[in-house]
Amino acid sequence: MDILSSRVLLRPVDLAAVQSFYRDVLKLGVAREFGSGDHAGVVFFLGSGTLEVSGTREPGPSTLKLWLQVRDVHAEVQRLAQLGVTVTREAREELWGLIEAWIEDPDGTQIVLVEVPTDHPMRRDQRQL
């Protein structure tokens, strides 16, 4: 298989609220928009990937979880909490050395905010010389 491109597709219950959350609260850049009205879709830049928020789904728990690396988890959690974002777990260092906090979008999709400390192995080239 030769993968040329990929993206995460998110089908929210409340399309307008969830698109607004990713655009206006998380401040993700817009890669493109398509359609109109109830069929409007937005593709957001998501680091080295993209997130398409389009269509809708029936109410119920979302099984999708997003992992978003940020520069400063504590600052982002504070900023987002002031905007009324649901913080389901405050930032803390995990056993594997990453600093993680959990938030939710308006539909309850879990978002893991991750900070990679400067001394973490993910920051170093692990290849043998």
Protein backbone atom coordinates (compact mmCIF):
# COMPACT_ATOMS: atom_id res chain seq x y z
CA MET A 1 0.00 0.00 0.00
CA ASP A 2 1.32 3.43 -0.99
CA ILE A 3 -0.28 6.05 1.29
CA LEU A 4 -0.24 9.47 -0.36
CA SER A 5 -2.23 11.41 2.21
CA SER A 6 -4.31 10.87 5.34
CA ARG A 7 -6.57 12.68 7.80
CA VAL A 8 -8.73 12.02 10.82
CA LEU A 9 -12.47 12.30 10.16
CA LEU A 10 -14.64 13.53 13.02
CA ARG A 11 -18.44 13.27 12.66
CA PRO A 12 -19.91 15.40 15.47
CA VAL A 13 -23.41 15.52 16.91
CA ASP A 14 -23.40 19.34 16.79
CA LEU A 15 -21.47 20.29 13.64
CA ALA A 16 -21.42 24.07 14.17
CA ALA A 17 -20.39 23.89 17.83
CA VAL A 18 -17.60 21.41 17.20
CA GLN A 19 -16.25 23.30 14.16
CA SER A 20 -16.30 26.50 16.23
CA PHE A 21 -14.44 24.75 19.07
CA TYR A 22 -11.55 23.64 16.84
CA ARG A 23 -11.43 26.95 14.94
CA ASP A 24 -12.13 29.54 17.65
CA VAL A 25 -11.14 27.88 20.93
CA LEU A 26 -8.22 25.59 20.01
CA LYS A 27 -7.28 28.07 17.23
CA LEU A 28 -6.41 25.36 14.69
CA GLY A 29 -5.56 26.69 11.25
CA VAL A 30 -8.02 25.97 8.45
CA ALA A 31 -6.59 23.95 5.57
CA ARG A 32 -9.80 24.13 3.54
CA GLU A 33 -13.55 24.46 3.74
CA PHE A 34 -16.16 22.82 1.54
CA GLY A 35 -19.92 22.48 1.17
CA SER A 36 -22.48 24.74 2.82
CA GLY A 37 -25.13 24.83 5.52
CA ASP A 38 -25.69 21.45 7.19
CA HIS A 39 -23.17 19.96 4.77
CA ALA A 40 -20.31 22.38 5.46
CA GLY A 41 -17.00 20.72 6.21
CA VAL A 42 -13.77 22.13 7.56
CA VAL A 43 -10.35 20.53 7.36
CA PHE A 44 -8.02 21.81 10.07
CA PHE A 45 -4.24 21.60 10.20
CA LEU A 46 -3.27 19.22 13.01
CA GLY A 47 0.52 19.34 13.29
CA SER A 48 1.78 17.11 10.51
CA GLY A 49 -1.74 15.83 9.78
CA THR A 50 -5.25 17.16 9.32
CA LEU A 51 -8.62 16.84 11.04
CA GLU A 52 -11.80 16.98 8.98
CA VAL A 53 -14.94 17.98 10.91
CA SER A 54 -17.92 17.31 8.68
CA GLY A 55 -21.21 15.48 8.59
CA THR A 56 -22.99 14.43 11.76
CA ARG A 57 -23.64 11.38 13.92
CA GLU A 58 -26.30 10.32 16.38
CA PRO A 59 -25.78 11.27 20.03
CA GLY A 60 -23.73 8.82 22.05
CA PRO A 61 -20.21 8.46 23.37
CA SER A 62 -17.37 9.22 21.00
CA THR A 63 -14.61 6.62 20.84
CA LEU A 64 -12.23 8.92 18.98
CA LYS A 65 -9.34 10.35 20.99
CA LEU A 66 -6.99 13.02 19.66
CA TRP A 67 -3.36 13.31 20.80
CA LEU A 68 -2.12 16.87 20.35
CA GLN A 69 1.44 17.86 21.21
CA VAL A 70 1.73 21.43 22.49
CA ARG A 71 4.67 23.51 23.71
CA ASP A 72 3.30 24.20 27.22
CA VAL A 73 0.50 21.99 28.56
CA HIS A 74 0.00 24.02 31.74
CA ALA A 75 -0.45 27.29 29.84
CA GLU A 76 -2.87 25.69 27.36
CA VAL A 77 -4.98 24.11 30.11
CA GLN A 78 -5.19 27.45 31.91
CA ARG A 79 -6.15 29.29 28.70
CA LEU A 80 -8.75 26.71 27.71
CA ALA A 81 -10.29 26.50 31.19
CA GLN A 82 -10.78 30.29 31.13
CA LEU A 83 -12.72 29.80 27.88
CA GLY A 84 -15.01 27.24 29.53
CA VAL A 85 -13.46 24.12 28.00
CA THR A 86 -14.07 20.96 30.02
CA VAL A 87 -10.77 19.84 31.58
CA THR A 88 -11.25 16.20 32.56
CA ARG A 89 -7.76 15.77 33.99
CA GLU A 90 -5.24 18.41 34.97
CA ALA A 91 -1.69 18.29 33.61
CA ARG A 92 0.66 15.79 35.24
CA GLU A 93 3.82 13.90 34.37
CA GLU A 94 3.12 10.33 33.30
CA LEU A 95 5.27 7.31 34.15
CA TRP A 96 6.60 7.40 30.57
CA GLY A 97 7.88 10.97 31.07
CA LEU A 98 5.36 12.99 29.03
CA ILE A 99 3.27 15.73 30.60
CA GLU A 100 -0.40 15.14 29.73
CA ALA A 101 -3.74 16.83 30.38
CA TRP A 102 -7.14 15.78 29.07
CA ILE A 103 -9.88 18.02 27.73
CA GLU A 104 -13.11 17.45 25.78
CA ASP A 105 -14.67 19.10 22.76
CA PRO A 106 -18.39 20.07 22.90
CA ASP A 107 -19.41 16.55 21.80
CA GLY A 108 -17.30 14.84 24.49
CA THR A 109 -14.46 13.76 22.21
CA GLN A 110 -11.41 13.29 24.43
CA ILE A 111 -8.34 15.33 23.53
CA VAL A 112 -5.01 14.53 25.14
CA LEU A 113 -2.73 17.57 25.31
CA VAL A 114 0.89 16.44 25.51
CA GLU A 115 4.11 18.26 26.29
CA VAL A 116 7.38 16.48 25.54
CA PRO A 117 10.01 17.63 28.08
CA THR A 118 13.37 18.68 26.65
CA ASP A 119 15.16 15.71 28.23
CA HIS A 120 12.63 13.10 27.01
CA PRO A 121 13.87 10.35 24.61
CA MET A 122 11.34 11.52 22.00
CA ARG A 123 13.47 14.65 21.65
CA ARG A 124 16.66 12.73 20.93
CA ASP A 125 17.73 10.81 17.85
CA GLN A 126 17.60 7.17 18.98
CA ARG A 127 19.27 5.72 15.87
CA GLN A 128 22.57 3.94 16.27
CA LEU A 129 25.55 5.75 14.74
